[in-house]
Amino acid sequence: MNGQTSEIAVIDQLKGFMAPCDWLNAGHVEMDSDKYKIAACKLKGCRSKHIIFPEGWEYNKSLSREYGFVPNEHMGKSLKYLRHENGIDVYLNKVTGKEVYIGRTGKVEK
């Protein structure tokens, strides 16, 4: 359909739609009296203010609270490769000292 989504939409919480979509709205909504914002989407024209979360979802453990983005060209400067386990590459963030997990769909040269 002219490069637009028709049945399924993929939305990055920072960049928005990965392909044009004329049947959904996406953005950020304020939660708990403006204490924080989360990414959300809804059908265009929908007036509902209800937000549905996955079972067990908690803001304090979510990517909405804390996330990181490292462009591929800066991986070696910001992250140190540690290991690969269960389909996930594990890196050390040189700035925060925390482990970072990156899922891969194919083999990546280190």
C-alpha atoms as a PDB file:
ATOM      1  CA  MET A   1       0.000   0.000   0.000  1.00  0.00           C
ATOM      2  CA  ASN A   2       2.394   2.705  -1.243  1.00  0.00           C
ATOM      3  CA  GLY A   3       4.982   1.846   1.434  1.00  0.00           C
ATOM      4  CA  GLN A   4       2.491   2.426   4.263  1.00  0.00           C
ATOM      5  CA  THR A   5       1.598   0.006   7.007  1.00  0.00           C
ATOM      6  CA  SER A   6      -1.776  -1.673   6.613  1.00  0.00           C
ATOM      7  CA  GLU A   7      -2.082  -4.229   9.425  1.00  0.00           C
ATOM      8  CA  ILE A   8       0.955  -3.944  11.716  1.00  0.00           C
ATOM      9  CA  ALA A   9       2.954  -0.851  12.660  1.00  0.00           C
ATOM     10  CA  VAL A  10       6.456  -0.777  14.132  1.00  0.00           C
ATOM     11  CA  ILE A  11       7.107   2.284  16.257  1.00  0.00           C
ATOM     12  CA  ASP A  12      10.411   3.256  17.876  1.00  0.00           C
ATOM     13  CA  GLN A  13       9.767   5.129  21.123  1.00  0.00           C
ATOM     14  CA  LEU A  14      12.369   7.758  20.170  1.00  0.00           C
ATOM     15  CA  LYS A  15      12.100   8.008  16.370  1.00  0.00           C
ATOM     16  CA  GLY A  16       8.418   7.195  15.843  1.00  0.00           C
ATOM     17  CA  PHE A  17       7.018   5.143  12.961  1.00  0.00           C
ATOM     18  CA  MET A  18       9.433   2.966  10.998  1.00  0.00           C
ATOM     19  CA  ALA A  19       7.106   3.217   7.969  1.00  0.00           C
ATOM     20  CA  PRO A  20       4.325   5.686   7.185  1.00  0.00           C
ATOM     21  CA  CYS A  21       1.061   4.873   8.958  1.00  0.00           C
ATOM     22  CA  ASP A  22      -2.222   6.690   8.386  1.00  0.00           C
ATOM     23  CA  TRP A  23      -4.353   4.763  10.915  1.00  0.00           C
ATOM     24  CA  LEU A  24      -2.437   5.327  14.190  1.00  0.00           C
ATOM     25  CA  ASN A  25      -1.251   8.278  16.228  1.00  0.00           C
ATOM     26  CA  ALA A  26       1.942   7.885  18.246  1.00  0.00           C
ATOM     27  CA  GLY A  27       3.659  10.152  20.717  1.00  0.00           C
ATOM     28  CA  HIS A  28       4.344  10.632  24.404  1.00  0.00           C
ATOM     29  CA  VAL A  29       1.787  10.961  27.176  1.00  0.00           C
ATOM     30  CA  GLU A  30       2.206  12.273  30.708  1.00  0.00           C
ATOM     31  CA  MET A  31       1.654   9.859  33.577  1.00  0.00           C
ATOM     32  CA  ASP A  32       0.998  10.310  37.309  1.00  0.00           C
ATOM     33  CA  SER A  33       0.289  14.053  37.277  1.00  0.00           C
ATOM     34  CA  ASP A  34       3.156  14.938  34.915  1.00  0.00           C
ATOM     35  CA  LYS A  35       5.841  13.054  36.884  1.00  0.00           C
ATOM     36  CA  TYR A  36       7.002  11.239  33.755  1.00  0.00           C
ATOM     37  CA  LYS A  37       6.195  10.559  30.109  1.00  0.00           C
ATOM     38  CA  ILE A  38       5.846   7.292  28.224  1.00  0.00           C
ATOM     39  CA  ALA A  39       5.542   6.425  24.553  1.00  0.00           C
ATOM     40  CA  ALA A  40       2.042   5.379  23.493  1.00  0.00           C
ATOM     41  CA  CYS A  41      -0.107   4.956  20.400  1.00  0.00           C
ATOM     42  CA  LYS A  42      -3.803   4.786  19.575  1.00  0.00           C
ATOM     43  CA  LEU A  43      -6.085   4.458  16.595  1.00  0.00           C
ATOM     44  CA  LYS A  44      -6.693   7.757  14.825  1.00  0.00           C
ATOM     45  CA  GLY A  45     -10.014   9.221  15.880  1.00  0.00           C
ATOM     46  CA  CYS A  46     -10.084   7.277  19.154  1.00  0.00           C
ATOM     47  CA  ARG A  47     -11.071   9.448  22.140  1.00  0.00           C
ATOM     48  CA  SER A  48     -10.167   6.961  24.887  1.00  0.00           C
ATOM     49  CA  LYS A  49      -7.670   8.122  27.520  1.00  0.00           C
ATOM     50  CA  HIS A  50      -7.031   4.577  28.844  1.00  0.00           C
ATOM     51  CA  ILE A  51      -3.542   3.137  28.495  1.00  0.00           C
ATOM     52  CA  ILE A  52      -2.998  -0.600  28.484  1.00  0.00           C
ATOM     53  CA  PHE A  53       0.337  -1.944  29.721  1.00  0.00           C
ATOM     54  CA  PRO A  54       1.827  -5.428  29.413  1.00  0.00           C
ATOM     55  CA  GLU A  55       1.317  -7.586  32.506  1.00  0.00           C
ATOM     56  CA  GLY A  56       4.018  -6.812  35.083  1.00  0.00           C
ATOM     57  CA  TRP A  57       5.104  -3.559  33.405  1.00  0.00           C
ATOM     58  CA  GLU A  58       6.612  -1.023  35.795  1.00  0.00           C
ATOM     59  CA  TYR A  59       7.824   2.449  34.886  1.00  0.00           C
ATOM     60  CA  ASN A  60      10.949   2.148  37.065  1.00  0.00           C
ATOM     61  CA  LYS A  61      12.068  -0.917  35.076  1.00  0.00           C
ATOM     62  CA  SER A  62      11.100   0.410  31.655  1.00  0.00           C
ATOM     63  CA  LEU A  63      12.952   1.941  28.731  1.00  0.00           C
ATOM     64  CA  SER A  64      10.712   4.976  29.177  1.00  0.00           C
ATOM     65  CA  ARG A  65      12.565   5.739  32.419  1.00  0.00           C
ATOM     66  CA  GLU A  66      16.094   5.079  31.249  1.00  0.00           C
ATOM     67  CA  TYR A  67      17.433   4.212  27.823  1.00  0.00           C
ATOM     68  CA  GLY A  68      20.551   4.679  25.809  1.00  0.00           C
ATOM     69  CA  PHE A  69      21.342   5.040  22.152  1.00  0.00           C
ATOM     70  CA  VAL A  70      24.774   4.597  20.661  1.00  0.00           C
ATOM     71  CA  PRO A  71      25.187   5.072  16.898  1.00  0.00           C
ATOM     72  CA  ASN A  72      27.030   2.173  15.252  1.00  0.00           C
ATOM     73  CA  GLU A  73      30.000   4.394  14.429  1.00  0.00           C
ATOM     74  CA  HIS A  74      30.487   5.192  18.159  1.00  0.00           C
ATOM     75  CA  MET A  75      30.192   1.635  19.502  1.00  0.00           C
ATOM     76  CA  GLY A  76      33.954   1.240  20.087  1.00  0.00           C
ATOM     77  CA  LYS A  77      34.205   4.604  21.858  1.00  0.00           C
ATOM     78  CA  SER A  78      31.269   4.135  24.244  1.00  0.00           C
ATOM     79  CA  LEU A  79      30.907   0.384  24.654  1.00  0.00           C
ATOM     80  CA  LYS A  80      33.323  -2.473  25.351  1.00  0.00           C
ATOM     81  CA  TYR A  81      32.285  -5.909  24.080  1.00  0.00           C
ATOM     82  CA  LEU A  82      32.146  -8.473  26.909  1.00  0.00           C
ATOM     83  CA  ARG A  83      30.427 -11.617  25.628  1.00  0.00           C
ATOM     84  CA  HIS A  84      27.608 -13.196  23.617  1.00  0.00           C
ATOM     85  CA  GLU A  85      24.977 -15.229  25.462  1.00  0.00           C
ATOM     86  CA  ASN A  86      21.625 -16.618  24.346  1.00  0.00           C
ATOM     87  CA  GLY A  87      21.505 -14.524  21.164  1.00  0.00           C
ATOM     88  CA  ILE A  88      22.376 -11.292  22.997  1.00  0.00           C
ATOM     89  CA  ASP A  89      25.611  -9.298  22.776  1.00  0.00           C
ATOM     90  CA  VAL A  90      26.680  -7.953  26.167  1.00  0.00           C
ATOM     91  CA  TYR A  91      28.734  -4.751  26.366  1.00  0.00           C
ATOM     92  CA  LEU A  92      30.081  -2.571  29.169  1.00  0.00           C
ATOM     93  CA  ASN A  93      29.008   1.070  28.932  1.00  0.00           C
ATOM     94  CA  LYS A  94      32.292   2.905  29.573  1.00  0.00           C
ATOM     95  CA  VAL A  95      30.470   5.980  30.887  1.00  0.00           C
ATOM     96  CA  THR A  96      27.973   4.414  33.306  1.00  0.00           C
ATOM     97  CA  GLY A  97      29.810   1.197  34.166  1.00  0.00           C
ATOM     98  CA  LYS A  98      26.604  -0.768  33.484  1.00  0.00           C
ATOM     99  CA  GLU A  99      26.144  -3.736  31.194  1.00  0.00           C
ATOM    100  CA  VAL A 100      24.239  -3.070  27.964  1.00  0.00           C
ATOM    101  CA  TYR A 101      22.384  -5.802  26.074  1.00  0.00           C
ATOM    102  CA  ILE A 102      21.924  -5.760  22.311  1.00  0.00           C
ATOM    103  CA  GLY A 103      19.797  -8.326  20.496  1.00  0.00           C
ATOM    104  CA  ARG A 104      21.036  -9.339  17.077  1.00  0.00           C
ATOM    105  CA  THR A 105      19.196 -10.743  14.086  1.00  0.00           C
ATOM    106  CA  GLY A 106      22.421 -11.751  12.344  1.00  0.00           C
ATOM    107  CA  LYS A 107      26.157 -12.130  12.906  1.00  0.00           C
ATOM    108  CA  VAL A 108      28.035  -8.888  13.573  1.00  0.00           C
ATOM    109  CA  GLU A 109      31.819  -8.540  13.203  1.00  0.00           C
ATOM    110  CA  LYS A 110      33.432  -7.176  16.376  1.00  0.00           C
END
